[in-house]
PDB file of N, CA and C in Angstrom:
ATOM      1  N   MET A   1      92.999 141.215  99.687  1.00  0.00           N
ATOM      2  CA  MET A   1      92.923 139.782  99.939  1.00  0.00           C
ATOM      3  C   MET A   1      93.832 139.444 101.129  1.00  0.00           C
ATOM      4  N   ALA A   2      93.293 138.724 102.076  1.00  0.00           N
ATOM      5  CA  ALA A   2      94.046 138.335 103.272  1.00  0.00           C
ATOM      6  C   ALA A   2      95.078 137.258 102.903  1.00  0.00           C
ATOM      7  N   PRO A   3      96.237 137.275 103.565  1.00  0.00           N
ATOM      8  CA  PRO A   3      97.251 136.259 103.278  1.00  0.00           C
ATOM      9  C   PRO A   3      96.779 134.874 103.714  1.00  0.00           C
ATOM     10  N   ARG A   4      97.219 133.862 102.972  1.00  0.00           N
ATOM     11  CA  ARG A   4      96.848 132.475 103.302  1.00  0.00           C
ATOM     12  C   ARG A   4      97.550 132.007 104.565  1.00  0.00           C
ATOM     13  N   PHE A   5      98.832 132.380 104.713  1.00  0.00           N
ATOM     14  CA  PHE A   5      99.619 131.931 105.853  1.00  0.00           C
ATOM     15  C   PHE A   5      99.959 133.101 106.767  1.00  0.00           C
ATOM     16  N   LEU A   6      99.969 132.818 108.055  1.00  0.00           N
ATOM     17  CA  LEU A   6     100.282 133.816 109.069  1.00  0.00           C
ATOM     18  C   LEU A   6     101.600 133.471 109.746  1.00  0.00           C
ATOM     19  N   LEU A   7     102.328 134.492 110.138  1.00  0.00           N
ATOM     20  CA  LEU A   7     103.512 134.308 110.967  1.00  0.00           C
ATOM     21  C   LEU A   7     103.051 133.986 112.386  1.00  0.00           C
ATOM     22  N   LEU A   8     103.920 133.379 113.172  1.00  0.00           N
ATOM     23  CA  LEU A   8     103.569 133.146 114.572  1.00  0.00           C
ATOM     24  C   LEU A   8     103.297 134.463 115.282  1.00  0.00           C
ATOM     25  N   ALA A   9     103.991 135.521 114.877  1.00  0.00           N
ATOM     26  CA  ALA A   9     103.743 136.840 115.469  1.00  0.00           C
ATOM     27  C   ALA A   9     102.304 137.286 115.219  1.00  0.00           C
ATOM     28  N   ASP A  10     101.749 136.936 114.067  1.00  0.00           N
ATOM     29  CA  ASP A  10     100.352 137.266 113.773  1.00  0.00           C
ATOM     30  C   ASP A  10      99.411 136.476 114.669  1.00  0.00           C
ATOM     31  N   VAL A  11      99.729 135.205 114.895  1.00  0.00           N
ATOM     32  CA  VAL A  11      98.928 134.351 115.770  1.00  0.00           C
ATOM     33  C   VAL A  11      98.960 134.908 117.190  1.00  0.00           C
ATOM     34  N   VAL A  12     100.145 135.297 117.635  1.00  0.00           N
ATOM     35  CA  VAL A  12     100.323 135.884 118.966  1.00  0.00           C
ATOM     36  C   VAL A  12      99.412 137.098 119.115  1.00  0.00           C
ATOM     37  N   GLU A  13      99.414 137.960 118.118  1.00  0.00           N
ATOM     38  CA  GLU A  13      98.605 139.178 118.167  1.00  0.00           C
ATOM     39  C   GLU A  13      97.107 138.865 118.150  1.00  0.00           C
ATOM     40  N   GLN A  14      96.696 137.963 117.285  1.00  0.00           N
ATOM     41  CA  GLN A  14      95.271 137.665 117.152  1.00  0.00           C
ATOM     42  C   GLN A  14      94.706 136.963 118.379  1.00  0.00           C
ATOM     43  N   LEU A  15      95.489 136.074 118.986  1.00  0.00           N
ATOM     44  CA  LEU A  15      95.009 135.344 120.161  1.00  0.00           C
ATOM     45  C   LEU A  15      95.361 136.047 121.470  1.00  0.00           C
ATOM     46  N   ASN A  16      96.172 137.088 121.377  1.00  0.00           N
ATOM     47  CA  ASN A  16      96.625 137.837 122.554  1.00  0.00           C
ATOM     48  C   ASN A  16      97.300 136.896 123.561  1.00  0.00           C
ATOM     49  N   ILE A  17      98.274 136.132 123.042  1.00  0.00           N
ATOM     50  CA  ILE A  17      99.057 135.207 123.859  1.00  0.00           C
ATOM     51  C   ILE A  17     100.536 135.519 123.663  1.00  0.00           C
ATOM     52  N   SER A  18     101.385 134.866 124.433  1.00  0.00           N
ATOM     53  CA  SER A  18     102.825 135.072 124.282  1.00  0.00           C
ATOM     54  C   SER A  18     103.371 134.211 123.144  1.00  0.00           C
ATOM     55  N   MET A  19     104.568 134.555 122.703  1.00  0.00           N
ATOM     56  CA  MET A  19     105.226 133.765 121.659  1.00  0.00           C
ATOM     57  C   MET A  19     105.466 132.338 122.156  1.00  0.00           C
ATOM     58  N   ALA A  20     105.838 132.197 123.431  1.00  0.00           N
ATOM     59  CA  ALA A  20     106.064 130.860 123.996  1.00  0.00           C
ATOM     60  C   ALA A  20     104.785 130.028 123.948  1.00  0.00           C
ATOM     61  N   GLN A  21     103.648 130.653 124.248  1.00  0.00           N
ATOM     62  CA  GLN A  21     102.374 129.938 124.189  1.00  0.00           C
ATOM     63  C   GLN A  21     102.043 129.527 122.757  1.00  0.00           C
ATOM     64  N   ALA A  22     102.303 130.407 121.798  1.00  0.00           N
ATOM     65  CA  ALA A  22     102.040 130.086 120.389  1.00  0.00           C
ATOM     66  C   ALA A  22     102.919 128.926 119.932  1.00  0.00           C
ATOM     67  N   ARG A  23     104.181 128.971 120.306  1.00  0.00           N
ATOM     68  CA  ARG A  23     105.085 127.871 119.928  1.00  0.00           C
ATOM     69  C   ARG A  23     104.631 126.554 120.553  1.00  0.00           C
ATOM     70  N   ALA A  24     104.182 126.608 121.790  1.00  0.00           N
ATOM     71  CA  ALA A  24     103.709 125.391 122.463  1.00  0.00           C
ATOM     72  C   ALA A  24     102.481 124.824 121.754  1.00  0.00           C
ATOM     73  N   LEU A  25     101.574 125.682 121.327  1.00  0.00           N
ATOM     74  CA  LEU A  25     100.385 125.222 120.595  1.00  0.00           C
ATOM     75  C   LEU A  25     100.777 124.522 119.297  1.00  0.00           C
ATOM     76  N   VAL A  26     101.753 125.092 118.609  1.00  0.00           N
ATOM     77  CA  VAL A  26     102.211 124.516 117.334  1.00  0.00           C
ATOM     78  C   VAL A  26     102.960 123.215 117.573  1.00  0.00           C
ATOM     79  N   ARG A  27     103.881 123.218 118.516  1.00  0.00           N
ATOM     80  CA  ARG A  27     104.686 122.014 118.773  1.00  0.00           C
ATOM     81  C   ARG A  27     103.849 120.850 119.274  1.00  0.00           C
ATOM     82  N   SER A  28     102.786 121.143 120.024  1.00  0.00           N
ATOM     83  CA  SER A  28     101.916 120.080 120.530  1.00  0.00           C
ATOM     84  C   SER A  28     100.988 119.534 119.449  1.00  0.00           C
ATOM     85  N   GLY A  29     100.842 120.278 118.356  1.00  0.00           N
ATOM     86  CA  GLY A  29      99.933 119.863 117.285  1.00  0.00           C
ATOM     87  C   GLY A  29      98.524 120.383 117.479  1.00  0.00           C
ATOM     88  N   GLU A  30      98.285 121.076 118.591  1.00  0.00           N
ATOM     89  CA  GLU A  30      96.951 121.619 118.836  1.00  0.00           C
ATOM     90  C   GLU A  30      96.588 122.667 117.780  1.00  0.00           C
ATOM     91  N   LEU A  31      97.571 123.420 117.328  1.00  0.00           N
ATOM     92  CA  LEU A  31      97.396 124.391 116.248  1.00  0.00           C
ATOM     93  C   LEU A  31      98.280 123.930 115.092  1.00  0.00           C
ATOM     94  N   PRO A  32      97.690 123.343 114.058  1.00  0.00           N
ATOM     95  CA  PRO A  32      98.490 122.844 112.931  1.00  0.00           C
ATOM     96  C   PRO A  32      99.274 123.970 112.248  1.00  0.00           C
ATOM     97  N   ALA A  33     100.521 123.678 111.927  1.00  0.00           N
ATOM     98  CA  ALA A  33     101.388 124.647 111.267  1.00  0.00           C
ATOM     99  C   ALA A  33     102.429 123.901 110.437  1.00  0.00           C
ATOM    100  N   ILE A  34     103.111 124.649 109.597  1.00  0.00           N
ATOM    101  CA  ILE A  34     104.188 124.073 108.789  1.00  0.00           C
ATOM    102  C   ILE A  34     105.446 124.913 108.997  1.00  0.00           C
ATOM    103  N   GLN A  35     106.599 124.278 108.762  1.00  0.00           N
ATOM    104  CA  GLN A  35     107.852 125.007 108.817  1.00  0.00           C
ATOM    105  C   GLN A  35     108.309 125.292 107.396  1.00  0.00           C
ATOM    106  N   ILE A  36     108.743 126.523 107.177  1.00  0.00           N
ATOM    107  CA  ILE A  36     109.123 126.991 105.846  1.00  0.00           C
ATOM    108  C   ILE A  36     110.555 127.504 105.886  1.00  0.00           C
ATOM    109  N   GLY A  37     111.278 127.219 104.841  1.00  0.00           N
ATOM    110  CA  GLY A  37     112.603 127.805 104.666  1.00  0.00           C
ATOM    111  C   GLY A  37     113.686 127.125 105.465  1.00  0.00           C
ATOM    112  N   GLY A  38     114.914 127.555 105.209  1.00  0.00           N
ATOM    113  CA  GLY A  38     116.095 126.977 105.835  1.00  0.00           C
ATOM    114  C   GLY A  38     116.150 127.209 107.329  1.00  0.00           C
ATOM    115  N   ARG A  39     115.536 128.272 107.791  1.00  0.00           N
ATOM    116  CA  ARG A  39     115.534 128.555 109.228  1.00  0.00           C
ATOM    117  C   ARG A  39     114.342 127.928 109.931  1.00  0.00           C
ATOM    118  N   GLY A  40     113.484 127.249 109.183  1.00  0.00           N
ATOM    119  CA  GLY A  40     112.364 126.528 109.776  1.00  0.00           C
ATOM    120  C   GLY A  40     111.358 127.407 110.485  1.00  0.00           C
ATOM    121  N   GLN A  41     111.034 128.544 109.893  1.00  0.00           N
ATOM    122  CA  GLN A  41     110.076 129.442 110.518  1.00  0.00           C
ATOM    123  C   GLN A  41     108.661 128.879 110.356  1.00  0.00           C
ATOM    124  N   TRP A  42     107.894 128.963 111.426  1.00  0.00           N
ATOM    125  CA  TRP A  42     106.548 128.420 111.438  1.00  0.00           C
ATOM    126  C   TRP A  42     105.577 129.334 110.708  1.00  0.00           C
ATOM    127  N   ARG A  43     104.636 128.713 109.983  1.00  0.00           N
ATOM    128  CA  ARG A  43     103.543 129.424 109.333  1.00  0.00           C
ATOM    129  C   ARG A  43     102.252 128.673 109.663  1.00  0.00           C
ATOM    130  N   VAL A  44     101.223 129.441 109.967  1.00  0.00           N
ATOM    131  CA  VAL A  44      99.914 128.881 110.288  1.00  0.00           C
ATOM    132  C   VAL A  44      98.943 129.336 109.215  1.00  0.00           C
ATOM    133  N   GLU A  45      98.268 128.393 108.620  1.00  0.00           N
ATOM    134  CA  GLU A  45      97.265 128.753 107.610  1.00  0.00           C
ATOM    135  C   GLU A  45      96.105 129.460 108.319  1.00  0.00           C
ATOM    136  N   ALA A  46      95.648 130.555 107.740  1.00  0.00           N
ATOM    137  CA  ALA A  46      94.587 131.359 108.354  1.00  0.00           C
ATOM    138  C   ALA A  46      93.362 130.500 108.659  1.00  0.00           C
ATOM    139  N   SER A  47      93.026 129.583 107.766  1.00  0.00           N
ATOM    140  CA  SER A  47      91.856 128.719 107.991  1.00  0.00           C
ATOM    141  C   SER A  47      92.072 127.788 109.185  1.00  0.00           C
ATOM    142  N   GLU A  48      93.323 127.371 109.427  1.00  0.00           N
ATOM    143  CA  GLU A  48      93.625 126.522 110.581  1.00  0.00           C
ATOM    144  C   GLU A  48      93.473 127.306 111.884  1.00  0.00           C
ATOM    145  N   LEU A  49      93.862 128.571 111.871  1.00  0.00           N
ATOM    146  CA  LEU A  49      93.682 129.402 113.060  1.00  0.00           C
ATOM    147  C   LEU A  49      92.197 129.586 113.351  1.00  0.00           C
ATOM    148  N   GLU A  50      91.406 129.827 112.320  1.00  0.00           N
ATOM    149  CA  GLU A  50      89.961 129.975 112.502  1.00  0.00           C
ATOM    150  C   GLU A  50      89.332 128.679 113.016  1.00  0.00           C
ATOM    151  N   ALA A  51      89.789 127.533 112.501  1.00  0.00           N
ATOM    152  CA  ALA A  51      89.286 126.237 112.965  1.00  0.00           C
ATOM    153  C   ALA A  51      89.666 126.004 114.429  1.00  0.00           C
ATOM    154  N   TYR A  52      90.889 126.396 114.811  1.00  0.00           N
ATOM    155  CA  TYR A  52      91.335 126.268 116.196  1.00  0.00           C
ATOM    156  C   TYR A  52      90.435 127.098 117.114  1.00  0.00           C
ATOM    157  N   ILE A  53      90.154 128.317 116.720  1.00  0.00           N
ATOM    158  CA  ILE A  53      89.291 129.185 117.511  1.00  0.00           C
ATOM    159  C   ILE A  53      87.897 128.576 117.645  1.00  0.00           C
ATOM    160  N   ALA A  54      87.362 128.058 116.559  1.00  0.00           N
ATOM    161  CA  ALA A  54      86.035 127.428 116.584  1.00  0.00           C
ATOM    162  C   ALA A  54      86.029 126.221 117.524  1.00  0.00           C
ATOM    163  N   ARG A  55      87.110 125.414 117.496  1.00  0.00           N
ATOM    164  CA  ARG A  55      87.205 124.258 118.397  1.00  0.00           C
ATOM    165  C   ARG A  55      87.214 124.710 119.851  1.00  0.00           C
ATOM    166  N   LYS A  56      87.926 125.772 120.141  1.00  0.00           N
ATOM    167  CA  LYS A  56      87.994 126.274 121.514  1.00  0.00           C
ATOM    168  C   LYS A  56      86.628 126.771 121.985  1.00  0.00           C
ATOM    169  N   TYR A  57      85.880 127.443 121.109  1.00  0.00           N
ATOM    170  CA  TYR A  57      84.529 127.860 121.473  1.00  0.00           C
ATOM    171  C   TYR A  57      83.654 126.642 121.770  1.00  0.00           C
ATOM    172  N   GLU A  58      83.754 125.606 120.947  1.00  0.00           N
ATOM    173  CA  GLU A  58      82.952 124.398 121.151  1.00  0.00           C
ATOM    174  C   GLU A  58      83.349 123.695 122.450  1.00  0.00           C
ATOM    175  N   GLU A  59      84.643 123.592 122.724  1.00  0.00           N
ATOM    176  CA  GLU A  59      85.096 122.983 123.975  1.00  0.00           C
ATOM    177  C   GLU A  59      84.553 123.747 125.177  1.00  0.00           C
ATOM    178  N   ASN A  60      84.531 125.061 125.087  1.00  0.00           N
ATOM    179  CA  ASN A  60      84.017 125.876 126.178  1.00  0.00           C
ATOM    180  C   ASN A  60      82.515 125.656 126.366  1.00  0.00           C
ATOM    181  N   ARG A  61      81.770 125.594 125.239  1.00  0.00           N
ATOM    182  CA  ARG A  61      80.325 125.316 125.328  1.00  0.00           C
ATOM    183  C   ARG A  61      80.059 123.971 125.997  1.00  0.00           C
ATOM    184  N   GLU A  62      80.826 122.960 125.608  1.00  0.00           N
ATOM    185  CA  GLU A  62      80.654 121.622 126.186  1.00  0.00           C
ATOM    186  C   GLU A  62      80.998 121.612 127.670  1.00  0.00           C
ATOM    187  N   ARG A  63      82.055 122.313 128.063  1.00  0.00           N
ATOM    188  CA  ARG A  63      82.451 122.384 129.467  1.00  0.00           C
ATOM    189  C   ARG A  63      81.372 123.061 130.302  1.00  0.00           C
ATOM    190  N   ILE A  64      80.844 124.146 129.795  1.00  0.00           N
ATOM    191  CA  ILE A  64      79.794 124.866 130.519  1.00  0.00           C
ATOM    192  C   ILE A  64      78.545 123.998 130.638  1.00  0.00           C
ATOM    193  N   ALA A  65      78.172 123.316 129.571  1.00  0.00           N
ATOM    194  CA  ALA A  65      76.995 122.443 129.610  1.00  0.00           C
ATOM    195  C   ALA A  65      77.196 121.322 130.628  1.00  0.00           C
ATOM    196  N   ALA A  66      78.403 120.758 130.667  1.00  0.00           N
ATOM    197  CA  ALA A  66      78.686 119.683 131.621  1.00  0.00           C
ATOM    198  C   ALA A  66      78.630 120.202 133.051  1.00  0.00           C
ATOM    199  N   GLU A  67      79.157 121.395 133.274  1.00  0.00           N
ATOM    200  CA  GLU A  67      79.111 121.985 134.613  1.00  0.00           C
ATOM    201  C   GLU A  67      77.679 122.270 135.031  1.00  0.00           C
ATOM    202  N   GLN A  68      76.880 122.772 134.118  1.00  0.00           N
ATOM    203  CA  GLN A  68      75.492 123.104 134.434  1.00  0.00           C
ATOM    204  C   GLN A  68      74.648 121.857 134.652  1.00  0.00           C
ATOM    205  N   SER A  69      74.915 120.792 133.922  1.00  0.00           N
ATOM    206  CA  SER A  69      74.133 119.574 134.086  1.00  0.00           C
ATOM    207  C   SER A  69      74.473 118.866 135.395  1.00  0.00           C
ATOM    208  N   GLY A  70      75.619 119.200 135.978  1.00  0.00           N
ATOM    209  CA  GLY A  70      76.042 118.581 137.210  1.00  0.00           C
ATOM    210  C   GLY A  70      75.515 119.287 138.452  1.00  0.00           C
ATOM    211  N   ARG A  71      74.770 120.365 138.288  1.00  0.00           N
ATOM    212  CA  ARG A  71      74.226 121.100 139.438  1.00  0.00           C
ATOM    213  C   ARG A  71      72.718 121.012 139.426  1.00  0.00           C
ATOM    214  N   THR A  72      72.117 121.220 140.552  1.00  0.00           N
ATOM    215  CA  THR A  72      70.660 121.219 140.633  1.00  0.00           C
ATOM    216  C   THR A  72      70.144 122.607 140.306  1.00  0.00           C
ATOM    217  N   GLU A  73      68.862 122.689 140.081  1.00  0.00           N
ATOM    218  CA  GLU A  73      68.247 123.963 139.741  1.00  0.00           C
ATOM    219  C   GLU A  73      68.378 124.988 140.859  1.00  0.00           C
ATOM    220  N   SER A  74      68.426 124.545 142.119  1.00  0.00           N
ATOM    221  CA  SER A  74      68.504 125.484 143.232  1.00  0.00           C
ATOM    222  C   SER A  74      69.907 126.010 143.475  1.00  0.00           C
ATOM    223  N   GLU A  75      70.919 125.340 142.890  1.00  0.00           N
ATOM    224  CA  GLU A  75      72.278 125.787 143.086  1.00  0.00           C
ATOM    225  C   GLU A  75      72.569 126.989 142.181  1.00  0.00           C
ATOM    226  N   PRO A  76      73.303 127.959 142.690  1.00  0.00           N
ATOM    227  CA  PRO A  76      73.648 129.114 141.843  1.00  0.00           C
ATOM    228  C   PRO A  76      74.686 128.718 140.810  1.00  0.00           C
ATOM    229  N   PHE A  77      74.676 129.414 139.682  1.00  0.00           N
ATOM    230  CA  PHE A  77      75.683 129.202 138.650  1.00  0.00           C
ATOM    231  C   PHE A  77      76.986 129.861 139.078  1.00  0.00           C
ATOM    232  N   ARG A  78      78.084 129.154 138.930  1.00  0.00           N
ATOM    233  CA  ARG A  78      79.395 129.716 139.273  1.00  0.00           C
ATOM    234  C   ARG A  78      80.177 130.032 138.037  1.00  0.00           C
TER     235      ARG A  78
END
């Protein structure tokens, strides 16, 4: 059974980003997380990480669609 909560180190590994980037995502609220314990270590619920990834895929699809709708058929795709 997979753990419910992930360490920031797990998020870093799964997203292949730096620890600073992971902390920025959490602090900005873009990636929901909670602080646990006296040292305030961050934990990310696995389902929240999956939802974040799904949102990023959707944002990318929307961006690509917007870029494609802004060009004519004769223009090459960039």
